[in-house]
């Protein structure tokens, strides 16, 4: 038998709003009862989700919170909330309150639980629709992440945006110029960051590692470098060319799912490794997600290069597990 719960309309993200279900008589009574019974969970006033649809991962829950806040009247998603709506590469954000502006274009509002109010002048063309919500544009989103969280998270987000063609460095620099006219605070250095972002990174993990290297400043790497061996060209994630050191990061599964595909890819990888290490004489260091996120990868490379400088305080603060 079909219930009122079954009749509730949902957004593309699986969210339920009172405004979108006025066809149901006595709607608030039914929603209140389903919430008390545990069938629905209230994200924000007027915005709900079926309890069975709540994902276990904190970053997915953050995404739903962001999209839910975006359905509230008068809200414009900003900062990490806008970045999640746009699908940008991010680092350490799921513990942060969902950020937004009001439609008063930068005016303050009393934030709801799990919400952080952003401030600063917001031009009309710095906002647009994304799905059923309104958010800051990608260039303005990058600028706001920089204003509130600094170099490293912004570098990672910009790397993904530029790589995926969601915006260009010129777009970001245009917003920076407009922000200077608006006299927005904490934007100094954003233009320099934009110019440092390569367009060739293949994953968020590569962007995070490169950002760590840039913040640390103890050595220089060449991203997505090409090494020629016996007429063959091999690409490595990062290369410290003068030191003969290649750095490889594990991204998505490299070897396929089926037996023949795995065998072929493993053989190709073996040939590649032999060429880089034996023929080209490179030292190849390989790291996975945990090693990058714990700063172990950065420390290991520094040790291999004879760098004895302490890790930058900004890195130790951001990548401290207690702060995630």
C-alpha atoms as a PDB file:
ATOM      1  CA  UNK A   1       0.000   0.000   0.000  1.00  0.00           C
ATOM      2  CA  UNK A   2       1.422   3.377  -0.999  1.00  0.00           C
ATOM      3  CA  UNK A   3       2.005   5.785   1.892  1.00  0.00           C
ATOM      4  CA  UNK A   4       2.497   9.532   2.083  1.00  0.00           C
ATOM      5  CA  UNK A   5       6.202   8.803   2.524  1.00  0.00           C
ATOM      6  CA  UNK A   6       6.229   7.094  -0.867  1.00  0.00           C
ATOM      7  CA  UNK A   7       4.425  10.055  -2.430  1.00  0.00           C
ATOM      8  CA  UNK A   8       7.019  12.627  -1.398  1.00  0.00           C
ATOM      9  CA  UNK A   9       8.865  14.134  -4.361  1.00  0.00           C
ATOM     10  CA  UNK A  10      12.655  14.268  -4.141  1.00  0.00           C
ATOM     11  CA  UNK A  11      15.316  16.363  -5.828  1.00  0.00           C
ATOM     12  CA  UNK A  12      17.968  14.842  -8.071  1.00  0.00           C
ATOM     13  CA  UNK A  13      20.113  14.423  -4.942  1.00  0.00           C
ATOM     14  CA  UNK A  14      17.350  12.574  -3.085  1.00  0.00           C
ATOM     15  CA  UNK A  15      16.363  15.505  -0.859  1.00  0.00           C
ATOM     16  CA  UNK A  16      12.808  16.360   0.157  1.00  0.00           C
ATOM     17  CA  UNK A  17      11.523  19.910   0.586  1.00  0.00           C
ATOM     18  CA  UNK A  18       8.217  21.142   1.922  1.00  0.00           C
ATOM     19  CA  UNK A  19       8.041  23.658  -0.920  1.00  0.00           C
ATOM     20  CA  UNK A  20       8.168  20.875  -3.519  1.00  0.00           C
ATOM     21  CA  UNK A  21       5.452  18.728  -1.944  1.00  0.00           C
ATOM     22  CA  UNK A  22       2.494  21.043  -1.503  1.00  0.00           C
ATOM     23  CA  UNK A  23       0.357  18.502  -3.385  1.00  0.00           C
ATOM     24  CA  UNK A  24       0.178  16.367  -0.224  1.00  0.00           C
ATOM     25  CA  UNK A  25      -2.624  17.396   2.166  1.00  0.00           C
ATOM     26  CA  UNK A  26      -1.588  18.141   5.760  1.00  0.00           C
ATOM     27  CA  UNK A  27       2.028  17.907   4.619  1.00  0.00           C
ATOM     28  CA  UNK A  28       3.657  19.273   7.771  1.00  0.00           C
ATOM     29  CA  UNK A  29       1.744  16.837   9.967  1.00  0.00           C
ATOM     30  CA  UNK A  30       2.902  13.843   7.934  1.00  0.00           C
ATOM     31  CA  UNK A  31       6.512  15.051   7.696  1.00  0.00           C
ATOM     32  CA  UNK A  32       6.619  15.699  11.448  1.00  0.00           C
ATOM     33  CA  UNK A  33       5.312  12.197  12.142  1.00  0.00           C
ATOM     34  CA  UNK A  34       7.794  10.534   9.768  1.00  0.00           C
ATOM     35  CA  UNK A  35      10.614  12.532  11.352  1.00  0.00           C
ATOM     36  CA  UNK A  36       9.596  11.463  14.867  1.00  0.00           C
ATOM     37  CA  UNK A  37       9.405   7.845  13.696  1.00  0.00           C
ATOM     38  CA  UNK A  38      12.914   8.052  12.245  1.00  0.00           C
ATOM     39  CA  UNK A  39      11.860   7.613   8.617  1.00  0.00           C
ATOM     40  CA  UNK A  40      12.931  11.158   7.726  1.00  0.00           C
ATOM     41  CA  UNK A  41      15.886  13.216   8.934  1.00  0.00           C
ATOM     42  CA  UNK A  42      15.790  17.018   8.967  1.00  0.00           C
ATOM     43  CA  UNK A  43      18.871  18.607   7.412  1.00  0.00           C
ATOM     44  CA  UNK A  44      17.598  22.179   7.672  1.00  0.00           C
ATOM     45  CA  UNK A  45      14.171  23.724   8.282  1.00  0.00           C
ATOM     46  CA  UNK A  46      11.996  22.607   5.393  1.00  0.00           C
ATOM     47  CA  UNK A  47      14.633  20.232   3.968  1.00  0.00           C
ATOM     48  CA  UNK A  48      14.667  16.494   4.736  1.00  0.00           C
ATOM     49  CA  UNK A  49      16.144  13.214   3.570  1.00  0.00           C
ATOM     50  CA  UNK A  50      14.980   9.647   3.983  1.00  0.00           C
ATOM     51  CA  UNK A  51      16.992   8.157   6.837  1.00  0.00           C
ATOM     52  CA  UNK A  52      17.767   5.109   4.728  1.00  0.00           C
ATOM     53  CA  UNK A  53      19.438   7.384   2.154  1.00  0.00           C
ATOM     54  CA  UNK A  54      21.942   8.955   4.567  1.00  0.00           C
ATOM     55  CA  UNK A  55      25.419   7.846   3.378  1.00  0.00           C
ATOM     56  CA  UNK A  56      28.015   6.560   5.869  1.00  0.00           C
ATOM     57  CA  UNK A  57      30.922   8.602   4.495  1.00  0.00           C
ATOM     58  CA  UNK A  58      31.358  12.034   6.130  1.00  0.00           C
ATOM     59  CA  UNK A  59      32.209  13.711   2.812  1.00  0.00           C
ATOM     60  CA  UNK A  60      28.996  12.411   1.249  1.00  0.00           C
ATOM     61  CA  UNK A  61      27.008  13.629   4.261  1.00  0.00           C
ATOM     62  CA  UNK A  62      28.667  17.033   3.867  1.00  0.00           C
ATOM     63  CA  UNK A  63      27.650  17.097   0.221  1.00  0.00           C
ATOM     64  CA  UNK A  64      24.020  16.445   1.161  1.00  0.00           C
ATOM     65  CA  UNK A  65      24.156  19.163   3.814  1.00  0.00           C
ATOM     66  CA  UNK A  66      25.516  21.591   1.236  1.00  0.00           C
ATOM     67  CA  UNK A  67      22.883  20.719  -1.354  1.00  0.00           C
ATOM     68  CA  UNK A  68      20.213  20.854   1.354  1.00  0.00           C
ATOM     69  CA  UNK A  69      21.215  24.342   2.449  1.00  0.00           C
ATOM     70  CA  UNK A  70      21.196  25.388  -1.188  1.00  0.00           C
ATOM     71  CA  UNK A  71      17.480  24.592  -1.289  1.00  0.00           C
ATOM     72  CA  UNK A  72      16.752  27.082   1.493  1.00  0.00           C
ATOM     73  CA  UNK A  73      15.255  30.386   0.299  1.00  0.00           C
ATOM     74  CA  UNK A  74      17.753  33.215   0.073  1.00  0.00           C
ATOM     75  CA  UNK A  75      20.896  31.100   0.382  1.00  0.00           C
ATOM     76  CA  UNK A  76      23.869  31.126  -2.006  1.00  0.00           C
ATOM     77  CA  UNK A  77      26.368  28.329  -1.437  1.00  0.00           C
ATOM     78  CA  UNK A  78      29.951  29.507  -1.068  1.00  0.00           C
ATOM     79  CA  UNK A  79      33.383  28.245  -0.067  1.00  0.00           C
ATOM     80  CA  UNK A  80      33.670  24.484   0.377  1.00  0.00           C
ATOM     81  CA  UNK A  81      29.891  24.066   0.069  1.00  0.00           C
ATOM     82  CA  UNK A  82      29.957  25.575  -3.418  1.00  0.00           C
ATOM     83  CA  UNK A  83      33.067  23.558  -4.280  1.00  0.00           C
ATOM     84  CA  UNK A  84      31.259  20.337  -3.351  1.00  0.00           C
ATOM     85  CA  UNK A  85      28.265  21.316  -5.473  1.00  0.00           C
ATOM     86  CA  UNK A  86      30.632  21.932  -8.418  1.00  0.00           C
ATOM     87  CA  UNK A  87      32.506  18.647  -7.886  1.00  0.00           C
ATOM     88  CA  UNK A  88      35.935  20.216  -7.312  1.00  0.00           C
ATOM     89  CA  UNK A  89      38.905  18.401  -5.784  1.00  0.00           C
ATOM     90  CA  UNK A  90      39.009  19.087  -2.055  1.00  0.00           C
ATOM     91  CA  UNK A  91      41.024  18.235   1.029  1.00  0.00           C
ATOM     92  CA  UNK A  92      39.883  18.072   4.684  1.00  0.00           C
ATOM     93  CA  UNK A  93      36.519  19.789   4.507  1.00  0.00           C
ATOM     94  CA  UNK A  94      33.854  17.413   5.866  1.00  0.00           C
ATOM     95  CA  UNK A  95      34.155  18.793   9.432  1.00  0.00           C
ATOM     96  CA  UNK A  96      33.569  22.397   8.306  1.00  0.00           C
ATOM     97  CA  UNK A  97      30.101  23.996   8.663  1.00  0.00           C
ATOM     98  CA  UNK A  98      28.280  24.474   5.374  1.00  0.00           C
ATOM     99  CA  UNK A  99      29.087  27.951   4.065  1.00  0.00           C
ATOM    100  CA  UNK A 100      26.734  30.390   2.385  1.00  0.00           C
ATOM    101  CA  UNK A 101      25.949  33.984   1.481  1.00  0.00           C
ATOM    102  CA  UNK A 102      22.490  35.530   1.481  1.00  0.00           C
ATOM    103  CA  UNK A 103      20.821  36.976  -1.585  1.00  0.00           C
ATOM    104  CA  UNK A 104      21.517  40.392  -0.069  1.00  0.00           C
ATOM    105  CA  UNK A 105      24.856  40.015  -1.918  1.00  0.00           C
ATOM    106  CA  UNK A 106      27.255  39.739   0.962  1.00  0.00           C
ATOM    107  CA  UNK A 107      24.952  40.769   3.806  1.00  0.00           C
ATOM    108  CA  UNK A 108      25.184  38.841   7.048  1.00  0.00           C
ATOM    109  CA  UNK A 109      22.489  36.473   8.249  1.00  0.00           C
ATOM    110  CA  UNK A 110      21.983  34.474  11.397  1.00  0.00           C
ATOM    111  CA  UNK A 111      23.383  31.051  10.502  1.00  0.00           C
ATOM    112  CA  UNK A 112      21.453  27.873  11.079  1.00  0.00           C
ATOM    113  CA  UNK A 113      23.021  24.919  12.914  1.00  0.00           C
ATOM    114  CA  UNK A 114      25.737  23.390  10.679  1.00  0.00           C
ATOM    115  CA  UNK A 115      25.951  26.653   8.704  1.00  0.00           C
ATOM    116  CA  UNK A 116      28.655  29.328   8.466  1.00  0.00           C
ATOM    117  CA  UNK A 117      27.810  32.768   7.081  1.00  0.00           C
ATOM    118  CA  UNK A 118      30.339  34.181   4.615  1.00  0.00           C
ATOM    119  CA  UNK A 119      30.812  37.914   4.243  1.00  0.00           C
ATOM    120  CA  UNK A 120      32.090  40.248   1.560  1.00  0.00           C
ATOM    121  CA  UNK A 121      30.642  41.947  -1.493  1.00  0.00           C
ATOM    122  CA  UNK A 122      29.240  39.482  -4.017  1.00  0.00           C
ATOM    123  CA  UNK A 123      28.588  40.639  -7.566  1.00  0.00           C
ATOM    124  CA  UNK A 124      25.593  39.317  -9.497  1.00  0.00           C
ATOM    125  CA  UNK A 125      27.766  37.540 -12.065  1.00  0.00           C
ATOM    126  CA  UNK A 126      29.719  35.819  -9.266  1.00  0.00           C
ATOM    127  CA  UNK A 127      26.722  33.532  -8.710  1.00  0.00           C
ATOM    128  CA  UNK A 128      24.828  31.049 -10.859  1.00  0.00           C
ATOM    129  CA  UNK A 129      22.602  27.997 -10.584  1.00  0.00           C
ATOM    130  CA  UNK A 130      24.128  24.578  -9.997  1.00  0.00           C
ATOM    131  CA  UNK A 131      21.497  21.857  -9.966  1.00  0.00           C
ATOM    132  CA  UNK A 132      18.545  23.039  -7.862  1.00  0.00           C
ATOM    133  CA  UNK A 133      20.732  25.389  -5.792  1.00  0.00           C
ATOM    134  CA  UNK A 134      22.435  28.726  -6.329  1.00  0.00           C
ATOM    135  CA  UNK A 135      26.171  28.941  -5.658  1.00  0.00           C
ATOM    136  CA  UNK A 136      29.137  31.172  -6.244  1.00  0.00           C
ATOM    137  CA  UNK A 137      30.783  30.613  -9.610  1.00  0.00           C
ATOM    138  CA  UNK A 138      33.847  28.379  -9.666  1.00  0.00           C
ATOM    139  CA  UNK A 139      36.351  31.275  -9.920  1.00  0.00           C
ATOM    140  CA  UNK A 140      34.668  33.097  -7.008  1.00  0.00           C
ATOM    141  CA  UNK A 141      34.513  29.816  -5.075  1.00  0.00           C
ATOM    142  CA  UNK A 142      38.278  29.403  -5.471  1.00  0.00           C
ATOM    143  CA  UNK A 143      38.837  32.971  -4.292  1.00  0.00           C
ATOM    144  CA  UNK A 144      36.669  32.443  -1.202  1.00  0.00           C
ATOM    145  CA  UNK A 145      38.423  29.198  -0.287  1.00  0.00           C
ATOM    146  CA  UNK A 146      41.674  31.152  -0.470  1.00  0.00           C
ATOM    147  CA  UNK A 147      40.263  33.971   1.669  1.00  0.00           C
ATOM    148  CA  UNK A 148      39.156  31.626   4.426  1.00  0.00           C
ATOM    149  CA  UNK A 149      41.510  28.632   4.221  1.00  0.00           C
ATOM    150  CA  UNK A 150      44.691  29.679   2.444  1.00  0.00           C
ATOM    151  CA  UNK A 151      47.006  28.277  -0.191  1.00  0.00           C
ATOM    152  CA  UNK A 152      46.867  24.497  -0.032  1.00  0.00           C
ATOM    153  CA  UNK A 153      43.094  23.784  -0.192  1.00  0.00           C
ATOM    154  CA  UNK A 154      42.753  26.440  -2.901  1.00  0.00           C
ATOM    155  CA  UNK A 155      45.592  24.973  -4.950  1.00  0.00           C
ATOM    156  CA  UNK A 156      43.975  21.525  -4.839  1.00  0.00           C
ATOM    157  CA  UNK A 157      40.547  22.851  -5.835  1.00  0.00           C
ATOM    158  CA  UNK A 158      42.003  24.998  -8.630  1.00  0.00           C
ATOM    159  CA  UNK A 159      44.015  22.057  -9.984  1.00  0.00           C
ATOM    160  CA  UNK A 160      40.831  20.060 -10.463  1.00  0.00           C
ATOM    161  CA  UNK A 161      38.868  22.976 -11.896  1.00  0.00           C
ATOM    162  CA  UNK A 162      41.543  23.805 -14.481  1.00  0.00           C
ATOM    163  CA  UNK A 163      42.263  20.170 -15.367  1.00  0.00           C
ATOM    164  CA  UNK A 164      38.576  19.379 -15.912  1.00  0.00           C
ATOM    165  CA  UNK A 165      37.999  22.544 -17.928  1.00  0.00           C
ATOM    166  CA  UNK A 166      35.429  23.872 -15.458  1.00  0.00           C
ATOM    167  CA  UNK A 167      37.141  27.250 -15.489  1.00  0.00           C
ATOM    168  CA  UNK A 168      40.409  28.739 -16.691  1.00  0.00           C
ATOM    169  CA  UNK A 169      43.234  30.601 -14.959  1.00  0.00           C
ATOM    170  CA  UNK A 170      42.070  33.712 -16.829  1.00  0.00           C
ATOM    171  CA  UNK A 171      38.616  33.353 -15.260  1.00  0.00           C
ATOM    172  CA  UNK A 172      40.156  33.167 -11.792  1.00  0.00           C
ATOM    173  CA  UNK A 173      42.409  36.167 -12.430  1.00  0.00           C
ATOM    174  CA  UNK A 174      39.409  38.188 -13.657  1.00  0.00           C
ATOM    175  CA  UNK A 175      37.577  37.520 -10.385  1.00  0.00           C
ATOM    176  CA  UNK A 176      40.739  38.471  -8.494  1.00  0.00           C
ATOM    177  CA  UNK A 177      40.844  41.812 -10.321  1.00  0.00           C
ATOM    178  CA  UNK A 178      37.186  42.421  -9.484  1.00  0.00           C
ATOM    179  CA  UNK A 179      37.807  41.445  -5.856  1.00  0.00           C
ATOM    180  CA  UNK A 180      40.528  44.080  -5.639  1.00  0.00           C
ATOM    181  CA  UNK A 181      38.043  46.678  -6.882  1.00  0.00           C
ATOM    182  CA  UNK A 182      35.588  45.474  -4.227  1.00  0.00           C
ATOM    183  CA  UNK A 183      38.358  45.721  -1.609  1.00  0.00           C
ATOM    184  CA  UNK A 184      37.774  42.169  -0.401  1.00  0.00           C
ATOM    185  CA  UNK A 185      40.092  41.154   2.404  1.00  0.00           C
ATOM    186  CA  UNK A 186      42.648  38.314   2.500  1.00  0.00           C
ATOM    187  CA  UNK A 187      43.107  37.997  -1.273  1.00  0.00           C
ATOM    188  CA  UNK A 188      46.787  38.952  -1.509  1.00  0.00           C
ATOM    189  CA  UNK A 189      48.738  36.200  -3.270  1.00  0.00           C
ATOM    190  CA  UNK A 190      45.733  34.579  -4.966  1.00  0.00           C
ATOM    191  CA  UNK A 191      46.944  35.664  -8.402  1.00  0.00           C
ATOM    192  CA  UNK A 192      50.361  34.124  -7.722  1.00  0.00           C
ATOM    193  CA  UNK A 193      48.714  30.849  -6.691  1.00  0.00           C
ATOM    194  CA  UNK A 194      46.661  30.714  -9.889  1.00  0.00           C
ATOM    195  CA  UNK A 195      49.813  31.088 -11.967  1.00  0.00           C
ATOM    196  CA  UNK A 196      51.457  28.167 -10.130  1.00  0.00           C
ATOM    197  CA  UNK A 197      48.693  25.639 -10.848  1.00  0.00           C
ATOM    198  CA  UNK A 198      49.677  23.226 -13.656  1.00  0.00           C
ATOM    199  CA  UNK A 199      46.999  22.032 -16.050  1.00  0.00           C
ATOM    200  CA  UNK A 200      48.322  18.483 -16.272  1.00  0.00           C
ATOM    201  CA  UNK A 201      47.667  16.859 -12.885  1.00  0.00           C
ATOM    202  CA  UNK A 202      45.678  13.633 -13.097  1.00  0.00           C
ATOM    203  CA  UNK A 203      44.252  13.348  -9.585  1.00  0.00           C
ATOM    204  CA  UNK A 204      43.476  15.171  -6.372  1.00  0.00           C
ATOM    205  CA  UNK A 205      46.232  13.158  -4.686  1.00  0.00           C
ATOM    206  CA  UNK A 206      48.793  14.590  -7.117  1.00  0.00           C
ATOM    207  CA  UNK A 207      47.464  18.094  -6.446  1.00  0.00           C
ATOM    208  CA  UNK A 208      47.707  17.577  -2.683  1.00  0.00           C
ATOM    209  CA  UNK A 209      51.291  16.320  -2.901  1.00  0.00           C
ATOM    210  CA  UNK A 210      52.378  19.146  -5.215  1.00  0.00           C
ATOM    211  CA  UNK A 211      50.736  21.695  -2.918  1.00  0.00           C
ATOM    212  CA  UNK A 212      52.660  20.194   0.007  1.00  0.00           C
ATOM    213  CA  UNK A 213      55.901  20.538  -1.972  1.00  0.00           C
ATOM    214  CA  UNK A 214      55.155  24.177  -2.795  1.00  0.00           C
ATOM    215  CA  UNK A 215      54.239  25.072   0.781  1.00  0.00           C
ATOM    216  CA  UNK A 216      57.335  23.304   2.114  1.00  0.00           C
ATOM    217  CA  UNK A 217      59.590  24.961  -0.469  1.00  0.00           C
ATOM    218  CA  UNK A 218      62.578  22.650   0.134  1.00  0.00           C
ATOM    219  CA  UNK A 219      62.824  21.238  -3.407  1.00  0.00           C
ATOM    220  CA  UNK A 220      61.304  21.581  -6.876  1.00  0.00           C
ATOM    221  CA  UNK A 221      59.447  18.879  -8.813  1.00  0.00           C
ATOM    222  CA  UNK A 222      58.364  18.640 -12.444  1.00  0.00           C
ATOM    223  CA  UNK A 223      54.774  17.320 -12.617  1.00  0.00           C
ATOM    224  CA  UNK A 224      53.824  14.759 -15.273  1.00  0.00           C
ATOM    225  CA  UNK A 225      57.400  14.699 -16.524  1.00  0.00           C
ATOM    226  CA  UNK A 226      58.407  12.734 -19.631  1.00  0.00           C
ATOM    227  CA  UNK A 227      61.456  10.444 -19.512  1.00  0.00           C
ATOM    228  CA  UNK A 228      62.864   9.039 -22.764  1.00  0.00           C
ATOM    229  CA  UNK A 229      64.472   5.589 -22.620  1.00  0.00           C
ATOM    230  CA  UNK A 230      65.618   3.747 -25.741  1.00  0.00           C
ATOM    231  CA  UNK A 231      63.287   5.649 -28.020  1.00  0.00           C
ATOM    232  CA  UNK A 232      60.325   5.115 -25.665  1.00  0.00           C
ATOM    233  CA  UNK A 233      58.668   7.934 -23.748  1.00  0.00           C
ATOM    234  CA  UNK A 234      57.477   7.302 -20.204  1.00  0.00           C
ATOM    235  CA  UNK A 235      55.510   9.721 -18.064  1.00  0.00           C
ATOM    236  CA  UNK A 236      56.053   9.896 -14.306  1.00  0.00           C
ATOM    237  CA  UNK A 237      53.867  11.745 -11.819  1.00  0.00           C
ATOM    238  CA  UNK A 238      56.728  13.904 -10.539  1.00  0.00           C
ATOM    239  CA  UNK A 239      60.419  14.166 -11.325  1.00  0.00           C
ATOM    240  CA  UNK A 240      63.287  15.829  -9.493  1.00  0.00           C
ATOM    241  CA  UNK A 241      65.367  15.794 -12.645  1.00  0.00           C
ATOM    242  CA  UNK A 242      68.730  16.962 -11.259  1.00  0.00           C
ATOM    243  CA  UNK A 243      68.584  14.332  -8.515  1.00  0.00           C
ATOM    244  CA  UNK A 244      67.392  11.499 -10.779  1.00  0.00           C
ATOM    245  CA  UNK A 245      64.383  10.925  -8.510  1.00  0.00           C
ATOM    246  CA  UNK A 246      60.930   9.952  -9.782  1.00  0.00           C
ATOM    247  CA  UNK A 247      57.849  10.048  -7.556  1.00  0.00           C
ATOM    248  CA  UNK A 248      54.798   7.926  -8.349  1.00  0.00           C
ATOM    249  CA  UNK A 249      51.455   8.165  -6.554  1.00  0.00           C
ATOM    250  CA  UNK A 250      48.758   5.525  -6.529  1.00  0.00           C
ATOM    251  CA  UNK A 251      45.590   6.970  -8.002  1.00  0.00           C
ATOM    252  CA  UNK A 252      42.720   4.848  -9.216  1.00  0.00           C
ATOM    253  CA  UNK A 253      43.243   1.172  -9.835  1.00  0.00           C
ATOM    254  CA  UNK A 254      45.815   0.863 -12.585  1.00  0.00           C
ATOM    255  CA  UNK A 255      45.592  -2.762 -13.513  1.00  0.00           C
ATOM    256  CA  UNK A 256      41.983  -3.383 -14.543  1.00  0.00           C
ATOM    257  CA  UNK A 257      39.389  -5.828 -13.278  1.00  0.00           C
ATOM    258  CA  UNK A 258      39.668  -8.835 -15.612  1.00  0.00           C
ATOM    259  CA  UNK A 259      42.464 -11.374 -15.733  1.00  0.00           C
ATOM    260  CA  UNK A 260      43.790 -10.722 -19.274  1.00  0.00           C
ATOM    261  CA  UNK A 261      43.597  -6.963 -18.753  1.00  0.00           C
ATOM    262  CA  UNK A 262      45.410  -7.232 -15.427  1.00  0.00           C
ATOM    263  CA  UNK A 263      48.114  -9.438 -16.937  1.00  0.00           C
ATOM    264  CA  UNK A 264      48.701  -7.032 -19.817  1.00  0.00           C
ATOM    265  CA  UNK A 265      48.820  -3.965 -17.562  1.00  0.00           C
ATOM    266  CA  UNK A 266      51.095  -5.647 -15.027  1.00  0.00           C
ATOM    267  CA  UNK A 267      53.498  -6.664 -17.776  1.00  0.00           C
ATOM    268  CA  UNK A 268      53.451  -3.140 -19.189  1.00  0.00           C
ATOM    269  CA  UNK A 269      54.091  -1.713 -15.729  1.00  0.00           C
ATOM    270  CA  UNK A 270      56.995  -4.113 -15.199  1.00  0.00           C
ATOM    271  CA  UNK A 271      58.571  -3.007 -18.499  1.00  0.00           C
ATOM    272  CA  UNK A 272      58.043   0.613 -17.527  1.00  0.00           C
ATOM    273  CA  UNK A 273      59.584   0.140 -14.080  1.00  0.00           C
ATOM    274  CA  UNK A 274      62.595  -1.683 -15.553  1.00  0.00           C
ATOM    275  CA  UNK A 275      63.108   1.110 -18.088  1.00  0.00           C
ATOM    276  CA  UNK A 276      62.925   3.878 -15.502  1.00  0.00           C
ATOM    277  CA  UNK A 277      65.075   2.219 -12.864  1.00  0.00           C
ATOM    278  CA  UNK A 278      67.535   0.094 -14.817  1.00  0.00           C
ATOM    279  CA  UNK A 279      67.916   1.910 -18.136  1.00  0.00           C
ATOM    280  CA  UNK A 280      67.286   5.528 -17.109  1.00  0.00           C
ATOM    281  CA  UNK A 281      68.939   5.052 -13.731  1.00  0.00           C
ATOM    282  CA  UNK A 282      66.164   6.785 -11.832  1.00  0.00           C
ATOM    283  CA  UNK A 283      65.343   6.152  -8.207  1.00  0.00           C
ATOM    284  CA  UNK A 284      61.581   5.618  -8.124  1.00  0.00           C
ATOM    285  CA  UNK A 285      59.664   6.282  -4.910  1.00  0.00           C
ATOM    286  CA  UNK A 286      56.043   5.134  -4.762  1.00  0.00           C
ATOM    287  CA  UNK A 287      53.452   6.354  -2.292  1.00  0.00           C
ATOM    288  CA  UNK A 288      49.784   5.781  -1.605  1.00  0.00           C
ATOM    289  CA  UNK A 289      47.004   7.897  -0.160  1.00  0.00           C
ATOM    290  CA  UNK A 290      47.842   7.374   3.502  1.00  0.00           C
ATOM    291  CA  UNK A 291      51.508   8.218   2.996  1.00  0.00           C
ATOM    292  CA  UNK A 292      50.649  11.457   1.221  1.00  0.00           C
ATOM    293  CA  UNK A 293      47.991  12.518   3.715  1.00  0.00           C
ATOM    294  CA  UNK A 294      50.210  11.748   6.714  1.00  0.00           C
ATOM    295  CA  UNK A 295      53.101  13.781   5.192  1.00  0.00           C
ATOM    296  CA  UNK A 296      55.214  10.605   5.205  1.00  0.00           C
ATOM    297  CA  UNK A 297      55.664  10.834   1.423  1.00  0.00           C
ATOM    298  CA  UNK A 298      56.923  14.416   1.653  1.00  0.00           C
ATOM    299  CA  UNK A 299      59.265  13.552   4.529  1.00  0.00           C
ATOM    300  CA  UNK A 300      60.655  10.524   2.670  1.00  0.00           C
ATOM    301  CA  UNK A 301      61.397  12.559  -0.467  1.00  0.00           C
ATOM    302  CA  UNK A 302      63.064  15.277   1.606  1.00  0.00           C
ATOM    303  CA  UNK A 303      65.242  12.660   3.316  1.00  0.00           C
ATOM    304  CA  UNK A 304      66.179  11.117  -0.052  1.00  0.00           C
ATOM    305  CA  UNK A 305      67.232  14.562  -1.281  1.00  0.00           C
ATOM    306  CA  UNK A 306      69.174  15.365   1.871  1.00  0.00           C
ATOM    307  CA  UNK A 307      66.785  18.132   2.968  1.00  0.00           C
ATOM    308  CA  UNK A 308      66.881  18.481   6.742  1.00  0.00           C
ATOM    309  CA  UNK A 309      64.474  21.428   7.084  1.00  0.00           C
ATOM    310  CA  UNK A 310      61.538  20.883   9.472  1.00  0.00           C
ATOM    311  CA  UNK A 311      58.084  20.464   7.975  1.00  0.00           C
ATOM    312  CA  UNK A 312      56.215  23.733   7.521  1.00  0.00           C
ATOM    313  CA  UNK A 313      53.905  24.554  10.419  1.00  0.00           C
ATOM    314  CA  UNK A 314      51.006  25.093   7.991  1.00  0.00           C
ATOM    315  CA  UNK A 315      51.339  21.505   6.763  1.00  0.00           C
ATOM    316  CA  UNK A 316      51.550  20.004  10.235  1.00  0.00           C
ATOM    317  CA  UNK A 317      48.442  21.932  11.243  1.00  0.00           C
ATOM    318  CA  UNK A 318      46.368  21.018   8.187  1.00  0.00           C
ATOM    319  CA  UNK A 319      47.371  17.344   8.081  1.00  0.00           C
ATOM    320  CA  UNK A 320      47.113  16.739  11.827  1.00  0.00           C
ATOM    321  CA  UNK A 321      44.537  13.903  12.161  1.00  0.00           C
ATOM    322  CA  UNK A 322      42.998  15.642  15.185  1.00  0.00           C
ATOM    323  CA  UNK A 323      42.058  18.618  13.012  1.00  0.00           C
ATOM    324  CA  UNK A 324      40.282  16.715  10.255  1.00  0.00           C
END
